[in-house]
């Protein structure tokens, strides 16, 4: 991201805290997907609803975490750096999510 040494000193601790928190949150995502993949062919409406709610909740937690750290970066460094961080982080996570999504089948309609 082309930082001066002073900015690196401010950026790295924030970035490392973000990565640690995001890893905790993101670590639950494969479990949700694994449970879904094991049951998608026989999933009931209730289970499908639970899956959708878990997935939405996880996405909200991830979004809230991004907002929190973009705010910190904007305050500690600059809004421009915070926006660039968000762009890079978003691209990385889109690739990861795409890899996971490409391996997950769609829910089968029982009707």
Protein backbone atom coordinates (compact mmCIF):
# COMPACT_ATOMS: atom_id res chain seq x y z
CA UNK A 1 0.00 0.00 0.00
CA UNK A 2 3.09 2.20 -0.30
CA UNK A 3 3.42 3.47 3.28
CA UNK A 4 5.97 5.63 4.98
CA UNK A 5 7.64 3.97 8.00
CA UNK A 6 5.44 6.07 10.30
CA UNK A 7 2.29 4.86 8.60
CA UNK A 8 3.48 1.26 8.67
CA UNK A 9 3.91 1.58 12.44
CA UNK A 10 0.29 2.72 12.77
CA UNK A 11 -1.18 0.39 10.15
CA UNK A 12 0.30 -2.96 11.14
CA UNK A 13 -1.15 -3.25 14.66
CA UNK A 14 -4.62 -2.28 13.41
CA UNK A 15 -4.36 -4.67 10.48
CA UNK A 16 -3.21 -7.55 12.70
CA UNK A 17 -6.10 -7.01 15.14
CA UNK A 18 -8.51 -6.94 12.21
CA UNK A 19 -7.10 -10.16 10.76
CA UNK A 20 -7.33 -11.90 14.14
CA UNK A 21 -10.95 -10.85 14.65
CA UNK A 22 -11.90 -11.62 11.05
CA UNK A 23 -10.31 -15.07 11.30
CA UNK A 24 -12.46 -15.82 14.36
CA UNK A 25 -15.59 -14.77 12.49
CA UNK A 26 -14.55 -16.31 9.19
CA UNK A 27 -13.65 -19.53 10.93
CA UNK A 28 -17.33 -20.22 11.53
CA UNK A 29 -18.21 -19.87 7.85
CA UNK A 30 -16.77 -23.23 6.70
CA UNK A 31 -18.66 -24.98 9.51
CA UNK A 32 -21.95 -23.49 8.37
CA UNK A 33 -21.19 -24.51 4.79
CA UNK A 34 -20.08 -28.01 5.84
CA UNK A 35 -23.33 -28.57 7.76
CA UNK A 36 -25.30 -27.32 4.79
CA UNK A 37 -23.43 -29.52 2.30
CA UNK A 38 -24.10 -32.59 4.43
CA UNK A 39 -27.86 -31.95 4.46
CA UNK A 40 -28.80 -29.91 1.42
CA UNK A 41 -30.60 -32.75 -0.38
CA UNK A 42 -32.85 -33.54 2.59
CA UNK A 43 -33.10 -30.09 4.17
CA UNK A 44 -36.46 -29.17 5.67
CA UNK A 45 -37.96 -25.70 5.38
CA UNK A 46 -37.00 -25.05 9.00
CA UNK A 47 -33.39 -26.12 8.40
CA UNK A 48 -33.24 -24.01 5.23
CA UNK A 49 -34.50 -21.03 7.21
CA UNK A 50 -31.89 -21.63 9.93
CA UNK A 51 -29.16 -21.90 7.31
CA UNK A 52 -30.23 -18.66 5.64
CA UNK A 53 -30.39 -16.84 8.98
CA UNK A 54 -26.95 -18.13 10.03
CA UNK A 55 -25.45 -17.08 6.73
CA UNK A 56 -27.02 -13.61 6.91
CA UNK A 57 -25.92 -13.20 10.51
CA UNK A 58 -22.37 -14.18 9.62
CA UNK A 59 -22.33 -11.71 6.72
CA UNK A 60 -23.59 -8.97 9.05
CA UNK A 61 -20.90 -9.71 11.63
CA UNK A 62 -18.26 -9.56 8.90
CA UNK A 63 -19.69 -6.26 7.63
CA UNK A 64 -19.78 -4.76 11.13
CA UNK A 65 -16.16 -5.78 11.67
CA UNK A 66 -15.10 -4.17 8.39
CA UNK A 67 -16.92 -0.95 9.32
CA UNK A 68 -15.21 -0.91 12.71
CA UNK A 69 -11.72 -1.26 11.27
CA UNK A 70 -12.25 1.05 8.30
CA UNK A 71 -13.29 3.67 10.85
CA UNK A 72 -10.16 3.05 12.90
CA UNK A 73 -7.92 3.26 9.85
CA UNK A 74 -9.61 6.45 8.68
CA UNK A 75 -9.07 8.01 12.10
CA UNK A 76 -5.51 6.78 12.69
CA UNK A 77 -4.18 7.14 9.13
CA UNK A 78 -6.57 8.64 6.58
CA UNK A 79 -9.92 7.99 4.88
CA UNK A 80 -8.03 7.29 1.63
CA UNK A 81 -5.96 4.53 3.23
CA UNK A 82 -9.06 3.13 4.92
CA UNK A 83 -10.88 3.00 1.57
CA UNK A 84 -7.91 1.33 -0.13
CA UNK A 85 -7.70 -1.21 2.70
CA UNK A 86 -11.40 -1.95 2.26
CA UNK A 87 -10.95 -2.44 -1.49
CA UNK A 88 -8.06 -4.88 -1.04
CA UNK A 89 -9.77 -6.74 1.79
CA UNK A 90 -12.99 -6.96 -0.18
CA UNK A 91 -11.23 -8.39 -3.23
CA UNK A 92 -9.40 -11.01 -1.19
CA UNK A 93 -12.57 -12.10 0.59
CA UNK A 94 -14.60 -12.16 -2.63
CA UNK A 95 -12.09 -14.63 -4.07
CA UNK A 96 -12.21 -16.78 -0.94
CA UNK A 97 -16.02 -16.68 -0.85
CA UNK A 98 -16.22 -17.49 -4.56
CA UNK A 99 -14.03 -20.54 -4.01
CA UNK A 100 -16.29 -21.75 -1.23
CA UNK A 101 -19.49 -20.94 -3.11
CA UNK A 102 -18.36 -22.79 -6.20
CA UNK A 103 -18.14 -26.00 -4.16
CA UNK A 104 -21.52 -25.67 -2.46
CA UNK A 105 -24.58 -27.11 -4.20
CA UNK A 106 -27.88 -25.30 -4.32
CA UNK A 107 -30.66 -26.42 -1.99
CA UNK A 108 -32.89 -29.00 -3.62
CA UNK A 109 -36.60 -28.27 -3.76
CA UNK A 110 -38.47 -31.16 -2.15
CA UNK A 111 -41.60 -30.47 -4.21
